[in-house]
Amino acid sequence: MSGGPNSTDSDSTSERRYFRIGTPGAVSSLHYDEYHNFYVQLHGAKIFSLAPPTAWAAVRSFPKNNDRFRQSPSRALPFWSAEDRAAAGIQTVRVDAGQLLYIPPYHWHQTLTLGASGDHTF
């Protein structure tokens, strides 16, 4: 049997690990994940724009039946007006090399890479 709570199978959905290398100016899509995210910035820096799950109406994600339903076609959060950002509860944080950022499940987030960077997500 595979995929149980103590599974070490590489396809287990209970544990995800990513290593990303970014180029200056790279922007991720505005999205949410259904799992806990711990971002460890190994090199360089990123700006994270974060919005709570309650920002759903402002973010206007793709419909549930769409392949991209956890993403939003809205313009990048850093370019929203100050009023729209405040109304949606958007917070911005810079994460530098050696720092860790936790993003809870269902919280909207988007990143802007400030320079050549590398981060590890688990």
N, C-alpha and C. Protein backbone atom coordinates (compact mmCIF):
# COMPACT_ATOMS: atom_id res chain seq x y z
N MET A 1 0.86 -1.18 0.00
CA MET A 1 0.00 0.00 0.00
C MET A 1 0.90 1.24 0.00
N SER A 2 0.53 2.25 -0.77
CA SER A 2 1.35 3.46 -0.84
C SER A 2 0.50 4.69 -0.61
N GLY A 3 1.17 5.81 -0.32
CA GLY A 3 0.48 7.09 -0.18
C GLY A 3 -0.13 7.33 1.19
N GLY A 4 0.15 6.46 2.17
CA GLY A 4 -0.40 6.64 3.51
C GLY A 4 0.28 7.78 4.24
N PRO A 5 -0.15 8.04 5.48
CA PRO A 5 0.39 9.18 6.23
C PRO A 5 1.89 9.11 6.48
N ASN A 6 2.46 7.91 6.52
CA ASN A 6 3.89 7.77 6.74
C ASN A 6 4.64 7.41 5.47
N SER A 7 3.99 7.61 4.35
CA SER A 7 4.56 7.24 3.06
C SER A 7 5.80 8.04 2.72
N THR A 8 6.74 7.38 2.08
CA THR A 8 7.90 8.08 1.54
C THR A 8 7.86 8.10 0.03
N ASP A 9 6.72 7.71 -0.55
CA ASP A 9 6.57 7.72 -2.01
C ASP A 9 6.73 9.14 -2.53
N SER A 10 7.41 9.28 -3.65
CA SER A 10 7.64 10.61 -4.21
C SER A 10 6.37 11.25 -4.74
N ASP A 11 5.31 10.46 -4.96
CA ASP A 11 4.06 11.04 -5.48
C ASP A 11 3.08 11.38 -4.37
N SER A 12 3.48 11.29 -3.12
CA SER A 12 2.60 11.61 -2.00
C SER A 12 2.21 13.08 -2.04
N THR A 13 0.91 13.37 -1.92
CA THR A 13 0.46 14.76 -1.94
C THR A 13 0.53 15.40 -0.57
N SER A 14 0.92 14.64 0.46
CA SER A 14 1.00 15.21 1.80
C SER A 14 2.26 16.05 1.98
N GLU A 15 3.20 15.92 1.07
CA GLU A 15 4.45 16.66 1.19
C GLU A 15 4.89 17.11 -0.20
N ARG A 16 5.16 18.41 -0.33
CA ARG A 16 5.63 18.94 -1.60
C ARG A 16 6.87 19.78 -1.34
N ARG A 17 7.85 19.64 -2.20
CA ARG A 17 9.08 20.41 -2.08
C ARG A 17 9.43 20.95 -3.45
N TYR A 18 9.81 22.20 -3.48
CA TYR A 18 10.17 22.84 -4.74
C TYR A 18 11.45 23.65 -4.52
N PHE A 19 12.25 23.73 -5.55
CA PHE A 19 13.39 24.64 -5.57
C PHE A 19 13.22 25.49 -6.81
N ARG A 20 13.23 26.79 -6.63
CA ARG A 20 13.02 27.70 -7.76
C ARG A 20 14.21 28.63 -7.90
N ILE A 21 14.55 28.90 -9.15
CA ILE A 21 15.58 29.88 -9.46
C ILE A 21 14.88 30.96 -10.27
N GLY A 22 14.99 32.21 -9.82
CA GLY A 22 14.29 33.30 -10.47
C GLY A 22 15.23 34.29 -11.12
N THR A 23 14.72 34.93 -12.14
CA THR A 23 15.47 35.99 -12.81
C THR A 23 14.88 37.34 -12.40
N PRO A 24 15.66 38.39 -12.44
CA PRO A 24 15.16 39.70 -12.03
C PRO A 24 13.89 40.09 -12.79
N GLY A 25 12.89 40.54 -12.03
CA GLY A 25 11.64 40.99 -12.62
C GLY A 25 10.60 39.91 -12.85
N ALA A 26 10.94 38.65 -12.58
CA ALA A 26 9.97 37.56 -12.76
C ALA A 26 8.82 37.72 -11.77
N VAL A 27 7.60 37.56 -12.26
CA VAL A 27 6.39 37.68 -11.43
C VAL A 27 5.61 36.38 -11.54
N SER A 28 5.25 35.80 -10.41
CA SER A 28 4.43 34.58 -10.43
C SER A 28 2.98 34.96 -10.67
N SER A 29 2.19 33.97 -11.02
CA SER A 29 0.75 34.22 -11.14
C SER A 29 0.17 34.45 -9.75
N LEU A 30 -0.90 35.19 -9.68
CA LEU A 30 -1.64 35.37 -8.43
C LEU A 30 -2.44 34.09 -8.21
N HIS A 31 -2.19 33.42 -7.09
CA HIS A 31 -2.83 32.12 -6.86
C HIS A 31 -2.88 31.81 -5.37
N TYR A 32 -3.55 30.72 -5.05
CA TYR A 32 -3.52 30.17 -3.70
C TYR A 32 -3.19 28.69 -3.80
N ASP A 33 -2.68 28.14 -2.72
CA ASP A 33 -2.40 26.71 -2.63
C ASP A 33 -3.28 26.13 -1.54
N GLU A 34 -3.55 24.84 -1.66
CA GLU A 34 -4.40 24.17 -0.69
C GLU A 34 -3.60 23.53 0.44
N TYR A 35 -2.34 23.86 0.52
CA TYR A 35 -1.44 23.30 1.52
C TYR A 35 -0.59 24.42 2.13
N HIS A 36 0.09 24.11 3.22
CA HIS A 36 0.97 25.05 3.91
C HIS A 36 2.22 25.30 3.06
N ASN A 37 2.66 26.54 2.99
CA ASN A 37 3.88 26.89 2.27
C ASN A 37 4.89 27.51 3.23
N PHE A 38 6.10 27.02 3.20
CA PHE A 38 7.22 27.62 3.91
C PHE A 38 8.25 27.98 2.85
N TYR A 39 8.44 29.26 2.60
CA TYR A 39 9.40 29.73 1.61
C TYR A 39 10.68 30.10 2.33
N VAL A 40 11.78 29.48 1.93
CA VAL A 40 13.09 29.81 2.46
C VAL A 40 13.87 30.47 1.33
N GLN A 41 14.22 31.73 1.51
CA GLN A 41 14.97 32.45 0.50
C GLN A 41 16.44 32.14 0.69
N LEU A 42 17.03 31.45 -0.28
CA LEU A 42 18.42 31.04 -0.19
C LEU A 42 19.38 32.09 -0.72
N HIS A 43 18.96 32.78 -1.76
CA HIS A 43 19.83 33.76 -2.42
C HIS A 43 18.94 34.85 -3.00
N GLY A 44 19.39 36.09 -2.97
CA GLY A 44 18.60 37.18 -3.54
C GLY A 44 17.43 37.58 -2.66
N ALA A 45 16.42 38.16 -3.28
CA ALA A 45 15.26 38.64 -2.52
C ALA A 45 14.02 38.61 -3.41
N LYS A 46 12.87 38.50 -2.76
CA LYS A 46 11.58 38.54 -3.44
C LYS A 46 10.63 39.41 -2.65
N ILE A 47 9.70 40.01 -3.37
CA ILE A 47 8.59 40.71 -2.74
C ILE A 47 7.39 39.78 -2.85
N PHE A 48 6.77 39.51 -1.72
CA PHE A 48 5.55 38.71 -1.69
C PHE A 48 4.37 39.64 -1.44
N SER A 49 3.37 39.57 -2.29
CA SER A 49 2.11 40.26 -2.05
C SER A 49 1.14 39.17 -1.60
N LEU A 50 0.51 39.39 -0.46
CA LEU A 50 -0.33 38.38 0.18
C LEU A 50 -1.73 38.93 0.41
N ALA A 51 -2.73 38.09 0.20
CA ALA A 51 -4.12 38.48 0.46
C ALA A 51 -4.81 37.32 1.16
N PRO A 52 -5.70 37.62 2.10
CA PRO A 52 -6.40 36.56 2.83
C PRO A 52 -7.43 35.87 1.94
N PRO A 53 -7.90 34.69 2.35
CA PRO A 53 -8.94 34.00 1.59
C PRO A 53 -10.19 34.86 1.38
N THR A 54 -10.43 35.80 2.28
CA THR A 54 -11.62 36.66 2.17
C THR A 54 -11.53 37.64 1.00
N ALA A 55 -10.38 37.71 0.35
CA ALA A 55 -10.21 38.62 -0.81
C ALA A 55 -10.75 37.99 -2.10
N TRP A 56 -11.41 36.85 -1.98
CA TRP A 56 -11.91 36.11 -3.14
C TRP A 56 -12.63 37.00 -4.15
N ALA A 57 -13.55 37.81 -3.70
CA ALA A 57 -14.34 38.66 -4.63
C ALA A 57 -13.45 39.67 -5.36
N ALA A 58 -12.49 40.23 -4.68
CA ALA A 58 -11.61 41.22 -5.29
C ALA A 58 -10.64 40.57 -6.27
N VAL A 59 -10.21 39.37 -5.96
CA VAL A 59 -9.22 38.67 -6.78
C VAL A 59 -9.86 38.11 -8.06
N ARG A 60 -11.09 37.69 -7.97
CA ARG A 60 -11.84 37.14 -9.11
C ARG A 60 -11.09 36.02 -9.81
N SER A 61 -10.97 34.91 -9.13
CA SER A 61 -10.24 33.76 -9.69
C SER A 61 -11.03 33.13 -10.84
N PHE A 62 -10.34 32.25 -11.54
CA PHE A 62 -11.03 31.49 -12.58
C PHE A 62 -12.10 30.63 -11.92
N PRO A 63 -13.15 30.26 -12.65
CA PRO A 63 -14.22 29.42 -12.07
C PRO A 63 -13.70 28.03 -11.68
N LYS A 64 -14.38 27.40 -10.76
CA LYS A 64 -13.99 26.11 -10.21
C LYS A 64 -13.78 25.04 -11.29
N ASN A 65 -14.52 25.07 -12.37
CA ASN A 65 -14.41 24.04 -13.40
C ASN A 65 -13.27 24.33 -14.40
N ASN A 66 -12.54 25.41 -14.22
CA ASN A 66 -11.43 25.77 -15.08
C ASN A 66 -10.15 25.10 -14.59
N ASP A 67 -9.27 24.72 -15.50
CA ASP A 67 -8.00 24.09 -15.12
C ASP A 67 -7.15 25.00 -14.23
N ARG A 68 -7.36 26.31 -14.31
CA ARG A 68 -6.56 27.27 -13.53
C ARG A 68 -7.37 27.87 -12.38
N PHE A 69 -8.31 27.11 -11.82
CA PHE A 69 -9.25 27.67 -10.83
C PHE A 69 -8.58 28.24 -9.59
N ARG A 70 -7.37 27.84 -9.24
CA ARG A 70 -6.69 28.40 -8.06
C ARG A 70 -5.88 29.65 -8.41
N GLN A 71 -6.03 30.13 -9.64
CA GLN A 71 -5.29 31.31 -10.09
C GLN A 71 -6.27 32.42 -10.43
N SER A 72 -5.72 33.62 -10.55
CA SER A 72 -6.53 34.78 -10.90
C SER A 72 -5.98 35.43 -12.17
N PRO A 73 -6.89 35.82 -13.07
CA PRO A 73 -6.43 36.55 -14.26
C PRO A 73 -6.22 38.04 -13.99
N SER A 74 -6.46 38.47 -12.76
CA SER A 74 -6.30 39.89 -12.40
C SER A 74 -4.87 40.34 -12.62
N ARG A 75 -4.71 41.65 -12.78
CA ARG A 75 -3.36 42.19 -12.92
C ARG A 75 -2.56 41.95 -11.64
N ALA A 76 -1.25 42.03 -11.74
CA ALA A 76 -0.37 41.75 -10.61
C ALA A 76 -0.71 42.63 -9.40
N LEU A 77 -0.73 42.02 -8.23
CA LEU A 77 -1.09 42.74 -7.00
C LEU A 77 -0.26 44.00 -6.75
N PRO A 78 1.05 44.01 -7.07
CA PRO A 78 1.81 45.25 -6.83
C PRO A 78 1.27 46.45 -7.62
N PHE A 79 0.49 46.20 -8.65
CA PHE A 79 -0.01 47.29 -9.48
C PHE A 79 -1.46 47.68 -9.18
N TRP A 80 -2.05 47.09 -8.16
CA TRP A 80 -3.38 47.49 -7.74
C TRP A 80 -3.28 48.87 -7.08
N SER A 81 -4.36 49.64 -7.12
CA SER A 81 -4.36 50.94 -6.46
C SER A 81 -4.29 50.73 -4.95
N ALA A 82 -3.84 51.75 -4.24
CA ALA A 82 -3.75 51.67 -2.78
C ALA A 82 -5.11 51.37 -2.17
N GLU A 83 -6.17 51.95 -2.73
CA GLU A 83 -7.53 51.73 -2.21
C GLU A 83 -7.96 50.27 -2.40
N ASP A 84 -7.71 49.71 -3.60
CA ASP A 84 -8.08 48.31 -3.87
C ASP A 84 -7.27 47.36 -3.00
N ARG A 85 -5.98 47.67 -2.80
CA ARG A 85 -5.13 46.83 -1.96
C ARG A 85 -5.65 46.83 -0.52
N ALA A 86 -5.99 47.99 -0.02
CA ALA A 86 -6.49 48.09 1.36
C ALA A 86 -7.82 47.36 1.51
N ALA A 87 -8.71 47.53 0.55
CA ALA A 87 -10.03 46.89 0.61
C ALA A 87 -9.92 45.36 0.60
N ALA A 88 -8.94 44.83 -0.12
CA ALA A 88 -8.76 43.38 -0.21
C ALA A 88 -7.90 42.82 0.92
N GLY A 89 -7.30 43.69 1.72
CA GLY A 89 -6.45 43.25 2.83
C GLY A 89 -5.08 42.77 2.37
N ILE A 90 -4.59 43.32 1.27
CA ILE A 90 -3.31 42.90 0.72
C ILE A 90 -2.16 43.47 1.55
N GLN A 91 -1.23 42.59 1.89
CA GLN A 91 -0.02 42.96 2.61
C GLN A 91 1.18 42.64 1.72
N THR A 92 2.24 43.40 1.85
CA THR A 92 3.45 43.17 1.07
C THR A 92 4.62 42.99 2.02
N VAL A 93 5.45 42.00 1.71
CA VAL A 93 6.62 41.73 2.54
C VAL A 93 7.81 41.39 1.64
N ARG A 94 8.96 41.86 2.04
CA ARG A 94 10.20 41.52 1.32
C ARG A 94 10.86 40.38 2.08
N VAL A 95 11.29 39.36 1.35
CA VAL A 95 11.99 38.22 1.95
C VAL A 95 13.39 38.19 1.35
N ASP A 96 14.37 38.35 2.23
CA ASP A 96 15.78 38.36 1.82
C ASP A 96 16.44 37.02 2.11
N ALA A 97 17.63 36.83 1.54
CA ALA A 97 18.39 35.59 1.74
C ALA A 97 18.49 35.27 3.23
N GLY A 98 18.21 34.02 3.57
CA GLY A 98 18.29 33.58 4.96
C GLY A 98 16.98 33.71 5.72
N GLN A 99 15.96 34.29 5.11
CA GLN A 99 14.67 34.45 5.79
C GLN A 99 13.66 33.41 5.31
N LEU A 100 12.67 33.15 6.15
CA LEU A 100 11.61 32.20 5.87
C LEU A 100 10.27 32.91 5.95
N LEU A 101 9.36 32.58 5.06
CA LEU A 101 8.01 33.12 5.07
C LEU A 101 7.02 31.97 5.05
N TYR A 102 6.05 32.00 5.96
CA TYR A 102 4.99 30.99 6.01
C TYR A 102 3.73 31.57 5.39
N ILE A 103 3.11 30.82 4.48
CA ILE A 103 1.84 31.22 3.88
C ILE A 103 0.84 30.09 4.15
N PRO A 104 -0.22 30.38 4.90
CA PRO A 104 -1.22 29.35 5.22
C PRO A 104 -2.01 28.93 3.97
N PRO A 105 -2.64 27.76 4.02
CA PRO A 105 -3.47 27.32 2.90
C PRO A 105 -4.54 28.36 2.56
N TYR A 106 -4.87 28.46 1.29
CA TYR A 106 -5.95 29.29 0.75
C TYR A 106 -5.67 30.80 0.81
N HIS A 107 -4.47 31.19 1.17
CA HIS A 107 -4.12 32.61 1.14
C HIS A 107 -3.53 32.94 -0.23
N TRP A 108 -4.05 33.96 -0.84
CA TRP A 108 -3.59 34.40 -2.16
C TRP A 108 -2.18 34.94 -2.04
N HIS A 109 -1.34 34.66 -3.03
CA HIS A 109 0.01 35.21 -3.02
C HIS A 109 0.57 35.32 -4.43
N GLN A 110 1.50 36.24 -4.53
CA GLN A 110 2.17 36.51 -5.80
C GLN A 110 3.57 37.01 -5.46
N THR A 111 4.55 36.62 -6.26
CA THR A 111 5.92 37.04 -5.98
C THR A 111 6.49 37.88 -7.11
N LEU A 112 7.39 38.76 -6.73
CA LEU A 112 8.17 39.56 -7.67
C LEU A 112 9.64 39.35 -7.29
N THR A 113 10.43 38.80 -8.21
CA THR A 113 11.84 38.55 -7.97
C THR A 113 12.63 39.83 -8.19
N LEU A 114 13.41 40.24 -7.18
CA LEU A 114 14.14 41.50 -7.26
C LEU A 114 15.49 41.39 -7.95
N GLY A 115 16.09 40.25 -7.91
CA GLY A 115 17.38 40.00 -8.55
C GLY A 115 17.49 38.51 -8.75
N ALA A 116 18.60 38.05 -9.30
CA ALA A 116 18.78 36.60 -9.41
C ALA A 116 18.54 35.99 -8.05
N SER A 117 17.68 34.98 -7.98
CA SER A 117 17.35 34.44 -6.67
C SER A 117 17.15 32.93 -6.74
N GLY A 118 17.18 32.34 -5.56
CA GLY A 118 16.87 30.94 -5.40
C GLY A 118 16.11 30.76 -4.11
N ASP A 119 15.05 29.96 -4.15
CA ASP A 119 14.30 29.69 -2.92
C ASP A 119 13.86 28.24 -2.90
N HIS A 120 13.59 27.78 -1.71
CA HIS A 120 13.16 26.41 -1.49
C HIS A 120 11.82 26.47 -0.77
N THR A 121 10.85 25.75 -1.29
CA THR A 121 9.52 25.71 -0.68
C THR A 121 9.26 24.29 -0.20
N PHE A 122 8.79 24.19 1.02
CA PHE A 122 8.40 22.88 1.55
C PHE A 122 7.24 23.03 2.48
